[in-house]
Amino acid sequence: MTGNVLAVRKELHSLIDTLPERKLNALRPLFDVLIDDEIIIETDLTEEEKAIIEEGDRHYKEHPEDFVPLESIL
């Protein structure tokens, strides 16, 4: 390992150590994907998934008061 890789690893360890538990738990699936070369990530949406997203967009535009800003929960 080069010095730069070691420095990056040390920095990442430091960042991870500062995370609260709920955010730390959110990293697990990301690490699983990064580590496992066999995982295939689907990028194409089915028609059903597209319809669900469109319905959510419509509902948001019609009733924005029903939604909580992401910034308020992080």
PDB file of N, CA and C in Angstrom:
ATOM      1  N   MET A   1       0.831  -1.179   0.000  1.00  0.00           N
ATOM      2  CA  MET A   1       0.000   0.000   0.000  1.00  0.00           C
ATOM      3  C   MET A   1       0.876   1.243   0.000  1.00  0.00           C
ATOM      4  N   THR A   2       0.440   2.194  -0.784  1.00  0.00           N
ATOM      5  CA  THR A   2       1.188   3.450  -0.809  1.00  0.00           C
ATOM      6  C   THR A   2       0.792   4.305   0.381  1.00  0.00           C
ATOM      7  N   GLY A   3       1.585   5.308   0.627  1.00  0.00           N
ATOM      8  CA  GLY A   3       1.315   6.224   1.735  1.00  0.00           C
ATOM      9  C   GLY A   3      -0.038   6.900   1.594  1.00  0.00           C
ATOM     10  N   ASN A   4      -0.409   7.215   0.345  1.00  0.00           N
ATOM     11  CA  ASN A   4      -1.691   7.872   0.110  1.00  0.00           C
ATOM     12  C   ASN A   4      -2.855   6.956   0.493  1.00  0.00           C
ATOM     13  N   VAL A   5      -2.773   5.677   0.150  1.00  0.00           N
ATOM     14  CA  VAL A   5      -3.827   4.727   0.486  1.00  0.00           C
ATOM     15  C   VAL A   5      -3.942   4.603   2.002  1.00  0.00           C
ATOM     16  N   LEU A   6      -2.817   4.543   2.681  1.00  0.00           N
ATOM     17  CA  LEU A   6      -2.832   4.459   4.140  1.00  0.00           C
ATOM     18  C   LEU A   6      -3.454   5.712   4.753  1.00  0.00           C
ATOM     19  N   ALA A   7      -3.143   6.864   4.188  1.00  0.00           N
ATOM     20  CA  ALA A   7      -3.701   8.116   4.692  1.00  0.00           C
ATOM     21  C   ALA A   7      -5.216   8.149   4.489  1.00  0.00           C
ATOM     22  N   VAL A   8      -5.675   7.689   3.344  1.00  0.00           N
ATOM     23  CA  VAL A   8      -7.113   7.650   3.068  1.00  0.00           C
ATOM     24  C   VAL A   8      -7.808   6.692   4.021  1.00  0.00           C
ATOM     25  N   ARG A   9      -7.214   5.506   4.239  1.00  0.00           N
ATOM     26  CA  ARG A   9      -7.795   4.537   5.179  1.00  0.00           C
ATOM     27  C   ARG A   9      -7.898   5.135   6.581  1.00  0.00           C
ATOM     28  N   LYS A  10      -6.856   5.827   7.006  1.00  0.00           N
ATOM     29  CA  LYS A  10      -6.854   6.426   8.337  1.00  0.00           C
ATOM     30  C   LYS A  10      -7.936   7.499   8.438  1.00  0.00           C
ATOM     31  N   GLU A  11      -8.055   8.303   7.391  1.00  0.00           N
ATOM     32  CA  GLU A  11      -9.079   9.348   7.378  1.00  0.00           C
ATOM     33  C   GLU A  11     -10.483   8.745   7.427  1.00  0.00           C
ATOM     34  N   LEU A  12     -10.708   7.691   6.642  1.00  0.00           N
ATOM     35  CA  LEU A  12     -12.025   7.041   6.636  1.00  0.00           C
ATOM     36  C   LEU A  12     -12.347   6.419   7.993  1.00  0.00           C
ATOM     37  N   HIS A  13     -11.359   5.782   8.607  1.00  0.00           N
ATOM     38  CA  HIS A  13     -11.569   5.223   9.947  1.00  0.00           C
ATOM     39  C   HIS A  13     -11.963   6.324  10.929  1.00  0.00           C
ATOM     40  N   SER A  14     -11.305   7.460  10.844  1.00  0.00           N
ATOM     41  CA  SER A  14     -11.621   8.582  11.741  1.00  0.00           C
ATOM     42  C   SER A  14     -13.050   9.077  11.512  1.00  0.00           C
ATOM     43  N   LEU A  15     -13.429   9.183  10.261  1.00  0.00           N
ATOM     44  CA  LEU A  15     -14.789   9.631   9.954  1.00  0.00           C
ATOM     45  C   LEU A  15     -15.829   8.636  10.466  1.00  0.00           C
ATOM     46  N   ILE A  16     -15.577   7.369  10.250  1.00  0.00           N
ATOM     47  CA  ILE A  16     -16.503   6.330  10.710  1.00  0.00           C
ATOM     48  C   ILE A  16     -16.637   6.364  12.225  1.00  0.00           C
ATOM     49  N   ASP A  17     -15.541   6.589  12.910  1.00  0.00           N
ATOM     50  CA  ASP A  17     -15.569   6.631  14.373  1.00  0.00           C
ATOM     51  C   ASP A  17     -16.417   7.778  14.922  1.00  0.00           C
ATOM     52  N   THR A  18     -16.644   8.807  14.129  1.00  0.00           N
ATOM     53  CA  THR A  18     -17.437   9.953  14.597  1.00  0.00           C
ATOM     54  C   THR A  18     -18.932   9.804  14.322  1.00  0.00           C
ATOM     55  N   LEU A  19     -19.320   8.793  13.547  1.00  0.00           N
ATOM     56  CA  LEU A  19     -20.730   8.638  13.173  1.00  0.00           C
ATOM     57  C   LEU A  19     -21.581   8.133  14.334  1.00  0.00           C
ATOM     58  N   PRO A  20     -22.796   8.705  14.466  1.00  0.00           N
ATOM     59  CA  PRO A  20     -23.726   8.117  15.429  1.00  0.00           C
ATOM     60  C   PRO A  20     -24.193   6.749  14.911  1.00  0.00           C
ATOM     61  N   GLU A  21     -24.695   5.923  15.816  1.00  0.00           N
ATOM     62  CA  GLU A  21     -25.040   4.536  15.471  1.00  0.00           C
ATOM     63  C   GLU A  21     -26.001   4.442  14.293  1.00  0.00           C
ATOM     64  N   ARG A  22     -27.031   5.286  14.228  1.00  0.00           N
ATOM     65  CA  ARG A  22     -28.020   5.167  13.149  1.00  0.00           C
ATOM     66  C   ARG A  22     -27.397   5.432  11.778  1.00  0.00           C
ATOM     67  N   LYS A  23     -26.438   6.327  11.733  1.00  0.00           N
ATOM     68  CA  LYS A  23     -25.771   6.598  10.459  1.00  0.00           C
ATOM     69  C   LYS A  23     -24.733   5.518  10.152  1.00  0.00           C
ATOM     70  N   LEU A  24     -24.110   5.002  11.174  1.00  0.00           N
ATOM     71  CA  LEU A  24     -23.146   3.922  10.991  1.00  0.00           C
ATOM     72  C   LEU A  24     -23.838   2.697  10.392  1.00  0.00           C
ATOM     73  N   ASN A  25     -25.015   2.380  10.898  1.00  0.00           N
ATOM     74  CA  ASN A  25     -25.768   1.244  10.366  1.00  0.00           C
ATOM     75  C   ASN A  25     -26.130   1.434   8.897  1.00  0.00           C
ATOM     76  N   ALA A  26     -26.288   2.667   8.466  1.00  0.00           N
ATOM     77  CA  ALA A  26     -26.618   2.945   7.070  1.00  0.00           C
ATOM     78  C   ALA A  26     -25.441   2.657   6.138  1.00  0.00           C
ATOM     79  N   LEU A  27     -24.234   2.650   6.663  1.00  0.00           N
ATOM     80  CA  LEU A  27     -23.051   2.382   5.839  1.00  0.00           C
ATOM     81  C   LEU A  27     -22.910   0.911   5.458  1.00  0.00           C
ATOM     82  N   ARG A  28     -23.466   0.017   6.273  1.00  0.00           N
ATOM     83  CA  ARG A  28     -23.270  -1.418   6.059  1.00  0.00           C
ATOM     84  C   ARG A  28     -23.645  -1.868   4.645  1.00  0.00           C
ATOM     85  N   PRO A  29     -24.846  -1.530   4.153  1.00  0.00           N
ATOM     86  CA  PRO A  29     -25.189  -1.967   2.791  1.00  0.00           C
ATOM     87  C   PRO A  29     -24.247  -1.391   1.734  1.00  0.00           C
ATOM     88  N   LEU A  30     -23.806  -0.160   1.937  1.00  0.00           N
ATOM     89  CA  LEU A  30     -22.870   0.449   0.985  1.00  0.00           C
ATOM     90  C   LEU A  30     -21.559  -0.315   0.956  1.00  0.00           C
ATOM     91  N   PHE A  31     -21.029  -0.643   2.131  1.00  0.00           N
ATOM     92  CA  PHE A  31     -19.789  -1.414   2.189  1.00  0.00           C
ATOM     93  C   PHE A  31     -19.964  -2.795   1.561  1.00  0.00           C
ATOM     94  N   ASP A  32     -21.117  -3.418   1.800  1.00  0.00           N
ATOM     95  CA  ASP A  32     -21.377  -4.726   1.204  1.00  0.00           C
ATOM     96  C   ASP A  32     -21.286  -4.658  -0.320  1.00  0.00           C
ATOM     97  N   VAL A  33     -21.855  -3.597  -0.890  1.00  0.00           N
ATOM     98  CA  VAL A  33     -21.821  -3.430  -2.347  1.00  0.00           C
ATOM     99  C   VAL A  33     -20.396  -3.156  -2.825  1.00  0.00           C
ATOM    100  N   LEU A  34     -19.678  -2.311  -2.104  1.00  0.00           N
ATOM    101  CA  LEU A  34     -18.317  -1.962  -2.510  1.00  0.00           C
ATOM    102  C   LEU A  34     -17.368  -3.155  -2.430  1.00  0.00           C
ATOM    103  N   ILE A  35     -17.586  -4.028  -1.462  1.00  0.00           N
ATOM    104  CA  ILE A  35     -16.680  -5.155  -1.247  1.00  0.00           C
ATOM    105  C   ILE A  35     -16.993  -6.341  -2.144  1.00  0.00           C
ATOM    106  N   ASP A  36     -18.268  -6.596  -2.395  1.00  0.00           N
ATOM    107  CA  ASP A  36     -18.689  -7.785  -3.139  1.00  0.00           C
ATOM    108  C   ASP A  36     -18.785  -7.491  -4.634  1.00  0.00           C
ATOM    109  N   ASP A  37     -17.836  -7.993  -5.394  1.00  0.00           N
ATOM    110  CA  ASP A  37     -17.822  -7.772  -6.840  1.00  0.00           C
ATOM    111  C   ASP A  37     -18.924  -8.549  -7.556  1.00  0.00           C
ATOM    112  N   GLU A  38     -19.565  -9.477  -6.863  1.00  0.00           N
ATOM    113  CA  GLU A  38     -20.601 -10.298  -7.475  1.00  0.00           C
ATOM    114  C   GLU A  38     -21.980  -9.647  -7.446  1.00  0.00           C
ATOM    115  N   ILE A  39     -22.138  -8.589  -6.646  1.00  0.00           N
ATOM    116  CA  ILE A  39     -23.441  -7.937  -6.545  1.00  0.00           C
ATOM    117  C   ILE A  39     -23.724  -7.181  -7.834  1.00  0.00           C
ATOM    118  N   ILE A  40     -24.907  -7.407  -8.361  1.00  0.00           N
ATOM    119  CA  ILE A  40     -25.346  -6.715  -9.578  1.00  0.00           C
ATOM    120  C   ILE A  40     -26.401  -5.693  -9.168  1.00  0.00           C
ATOM    121  N   ILE A  41     -26.184  -4.466  -9.539  1.00  0.00           N
ATOM    122  CA  ILE A  41     -27.127  -3.404  -9.199  1.00  0.00           C
ATOM    123  C   ILE A  41     -28.000  -3.138 -10.419  1.00  0.00           C
ATOM    124  N   GLU A  42     -29.304  -3.302 -10.231  1.00  0.00           N
ATOM    125  CA  GLU A  42     -30.240  -3.032 -11.316  1.00  0.00           C
ATOM    126  C   GLU A  42     -30.370  -1.534 -11.508  1.00  0.00           C
ATOM    127  N   THR A  43     -30.342  -1.110 -12.743  1.00  0.00           N
ATOM    128  CA  THR A  43     -30.504   0.313 -13.006  1.00  0.00           C
ATOM    129  C   THR A  43     -31.761   0.605 -13.815  1.00  0.00           C
ATOM    130  N   ASP A  44     -32.347  -0.409 -14.419  1.00  0.00           N
ATOM    131  CA  ASP A  44     -33.569  -0.207 -15.195  1.00  0.00           C
ATOM    132  C   ASP A  44     -34.782  -0.403 -14.298  1.00  0.00           C
ATOM    133  N   LEU A  45     -35.704   0.543 -14.364  1.00  0.00           N
ATOM    134  CA  LEU A  45     -36.926   0.448 -13.578  1.00  0.00           C
ATOM    135  C   LEU A  45     -38.001  -0.285 -14.366  1.00  0.00           C
ATOM    136  N   THR A  46     -38.810  -1.037 -13.655  1.00  0.00           N
ATOM    137  CA  THR A  46     -39.956  -1.686 -14.298  1.00  0.00           C
ATOM    138  C   THR A  46     -41.034  -0.631 -14.494  1.00  0.00           C
ATOM    139  N   GLU A  47     -42.032  -0.952 -15.292  1.00  0.00           N
ATOM    140  CA  GLU A  47     -43.149  -0.029 -15.499  1.00  0.00           C
ATOM    141  C   GLU A  47     -43.877   0.222 -14.182  1.00  0.00           C
ATOM    142  N   GLU A  48     -43.990  -0.809 -13.360  1.00  0.00           N
ATOM    143  CA  GLU A  48     -44.640  -0.662 -12.056  1.00  0.00           C
ATOM    144  C   GLU A  48     -43.857   0.305 -11.165  1.00  0.00           C
ATOM    145  N   GLU A  49     -42.538   0.182 -11.144  1.00  0.00           N
ATOM    146  CA  GLU A  49     -41.710   1.078 -10.342  1.00  0.00           C
ATOM    147  C   GLU A  49     -41.810   2.516 -10.845  1.00  0.00           C
ATOM    148  N   LYS A  50     -41.821   2.685 -12.169  1.00  0.00           N
ATOM    149  CA  LYS A  50     -41.971   4.029 -12.743  1.00  0.00           C
ATOM    150  C   LYS A  50     -43.303   4.638 -12.333  1.00  0.00           C
ATOM    151  N   ALA A  51     -44.368   3.837 -12.360  1.00  0.00           N
ATOM    152  CA  ALA A  51     -45.696   4.324 -11.983  1.00  0.00           C
ATOM    153  C   ALA A  51     -45.727   4.740 -10.515  1.00  0.00           C
ATOM    154  N   ILE A  52     -45.078   3.971  -9.660  1.00  0.00           N
ATOM    155  CA  ILE A  52     -45.025   4.296  -8.231  1.00  0.00           C
ATOM    156  C   ILE A  52     -44.299   5.627  -8.020  1.00  0.00           C
ATOM    157  N   ILE A  53     -43.203   5.811  -8.717  1.00  0.00           N
ATOM    158  CA  ILE A  53     -42.436   7.066  -8.596  1.00  0.00           C
ATOM    159  C   ILE A  53     -43.258   8.241  -9.108  1.00  0.00           C
ATOM    160  N   GLU A  54     -43.929   8.061 -10.240  1.00  0.00           N
ATOM    161  CA  GLU A  54     -44.767   9.129 -10.791  1.00  0.00           C
ATOM    162  C   GLU A  54     -45.892   9.495  -9.834  1.00  0.00           C
ATOM    163  N   GLU A  55     -46.512   8.497  -9.214  1.00  0.00           N
ATOM    164  CA  GLU A  55     -47.576   8.752  -8.244  1.00  0.00           C
ATOM    165  C   GLU A  55     -47.028   9.520  -7.048  1.00  0.00           C
ATOM    166  N   GLY A  56     -45.852   9.148  -6.572  1.00  0.00           N
ATOM    167  CA  GLY A  56     -45.222   9.871  -5.476  1.00  0.00           C
ATOM    168  C   GLY A  56     -44.923  11.315  -5.840  1.00  0.00           C
ATOM    169  N   ASP A  57     -44.423  11.535  -7.047  1.00  0.00           N
ATOM    170  CA  ASP A  57     -44.157  12.897  -7.518  1.00  0.00           C
ATOM    171  C   ASP A  57     -45.451  13.716  -7.561  1.00  0.00           C
ATOM    172  N   ARG A  58     -46.525  13.104  -8.090  1.00  0.00           N
ATOM    173  CA  ARG A  58     -47.814  13.798  -8.167  1.00  0.00           C
ATOM    174  C   ARG A  58     -48.313  14.170  -6.766  1.00  0.00           C
ATOM    175  N   HIS A  59     -48.227  13.205  -5.868  1.00  0.00           N
ATOM    176  CA  HIS A  59     -48.702  13.462  -4.505  1.00  0.00           C
ATOM    177  C   HIS A  59     -47.881  14.567  -3.845  1.00  0.00           C
ATOM    178  N   TYR A  60     -46.580  14.551  -4.053  1.00  0.00           N
ATOM    179  CA  TYR A  60     -45.717  15.587  -3.481  1.00  0.00           C
ATOM    180  C   TYR A  60     -46.090  16.969  -4.007  1.00  0.00           C
ATOM    181  N   LYS A  61     -46.335  17.058  -5.313  1.00  0.00           N
ATOM    182  CA  LYS A  61     -46.675  18.357  -5.907  1.00  0.00           C
ATOM    183  C   LYS A  61     -48.024  18.857  -5.401  1.00  0.00           C
ATOM    184  N   GLU A  62     -48.958  17.946  -5.179  1.00  0.00           N
ATOM    185  CA  GLU A  62     -50.298  18.328  -4.729  1.00  0.00           C
ATOM    186  C   GLU A  62     -50.372  18.540  -3.216  1.00  0.00           C
ATOM    187  N   HIS A  63     -49.534  17.840  -2.454  1.00  0.00           N
ATOM    188  CA  HIS A  63     -49.592  17.889  -0.985  1.00  0.00           C
ATOM    189  C   HIS A  63     -48.199  17.946  -0.361  1.00  0.00           C
ATOM    190  N   PRO A  64     -47.428  18.997  -0.635  1.00  0.00           N
ATOM    191  CA  PRO A  64     -46.062  19.057  -0.088  1.00  0.00           C
ATOM    192  C   PRO A  64     -46.038  19.084   1.437  1.00  0.00           C
ATOM    193  N   GLU A  65     -47.137  19.491   2.048  1.00  0.00           N
ATOM    194  CA  GLU A  65     -47.184  19.536   3.516  1.00  0.00           C
ATOM    195  C   GLU A  65     -47.142  18.145   4.148  1.00  0.00           C
ATOM    196  N   ASP A  66     -47.398  17.104   3.361  1.00  0.00           N
ATOM    197  CA  ASP A  66     -47.357  15.727   3.861  1.00  0.00           C
ATOM    198  C   ASP A  66     -45.935  15.180   4.001  1.00  0.00           C
ATOM    199  N   PHE A  67     -44.961  15.912   3.503  1.00  0.00           N
ATOM    200  CA  PHE A  67     -43.599  15.403   3.442  1.00  0.00           C
ATOM    201  C   PHE A  67     -42.695  16.124   4.429  1.00  0.00           C
ATOM    202  N   VAL A  68     -41.686  15.416   4.908  1.00  0.00           N
ATOM    203  CA  VAL A  68     -40.714  15.959   5.857  1.00  0.00           C
ATOM    204  C   VAL A  68     -39.409  16.202   5.094  1.00  0.00           C
ATOM    205  N   PRO A  69     -38.868  17.422   5.164  1.00  0.00           N
ATOM    206  CA  PRO A  69     -37.585  17.684   4.473  1.00  0.00           C
ATOM    207  C   PRO A  69     -36.486  16.760   4.991  1.00  0.00           C
ATOM    208  N   LEU A  70     -35.692  16.223   4.098  1.00  0.00           N
ATOM    209  CA  LEU A  70     -34.621  15.317   4.467  1.00  0.00           C
ATOM    210  C   LEU A  70     -33.665  15.961   5.477  1.00  0.00           C
ATOM    211  N   GLU A  71     -33.391  17.240   5.307  1.00  0.00           N
ATOM    212  CA  GLU A  71     -32.468  17.939   6.202  1.00  0.00           C
ATOM    213  C   GLU A  71     -32.947  17.917   7.657  1.00  0.00           C
ATOM    214  N   SER A  72     -34.256  17.843   7.857  1.00  0.00           N
ATOM    215  CA  SER A  72     -34.777  17.898   9.218  1.00  0.00           C
ATOM    216  C   SER A  72     -34.615  16.570   9.964  1.00  0.00           C
ATOM    217  N   ILE A  73     -34.313  15.495   9.249  1.00  0.00           N
ATOM    218  CA  ILE A  73     -34.164  14.199   9.919  1.00  0.00           C
ATOM    219  C   ILE A  73     -32.716  13.730   9.979  1.00  0.00           C
ATOM    220  N   LEU A  74     -31.820  14.447   9.359  1.00  0.00           N
ATOM    221  CA  LEU A  74     -30.399  14.054   9.386  1.00  0.00           C
ATOM    222  C   LEU A  74     -29.673  14.721  10.529  1.00  0.00           C
TER     223      LEU A  74
END
